[in-house]
């Protein structure tokens, strides 16, 4: 864990091998590093305001902002004699998932927004006031049942 940094968690990527790709088995091998950031808004503000503020802040950052922060974070985390950012980092990929801030809207907006339209149904964590796998699975089941 990395409290106080943009990315609160830094870890070697999940051990998945497929096709000709074999996952990294040791920190001595080249590896994929995953850095996770879960920004929040002003402490004490209502949750929906915090989520909106955090989403805005996250989406307003440029790639160069992320690169600077990742450079600063990794350079500060690893010993200087063992890590040279320019030599050791081959590439950076940034995925910004603002939908992780799903929150119920005013009134019954989530329920209204997921109403079937003919044979089209809406299913994901955004079709309920929750942003987790359990909610997404429940909404998928609900949507399939609406087609029956």
Foldseek 3Di string as FASTA:
>chain_A
DCPPAQFRDKDFDDQDADDPRGADPDPVDQTDIDTHGDAFADPPDPLLVRLVVRLVVVVVDDVVVVVVRVCVVVCVVDDPVVDDCVPRDPDDDDDDDSCLSQADDPDRVLCVVQDDDVQDGDAALNSDGHRDPVSRVVRVVVSVVVND
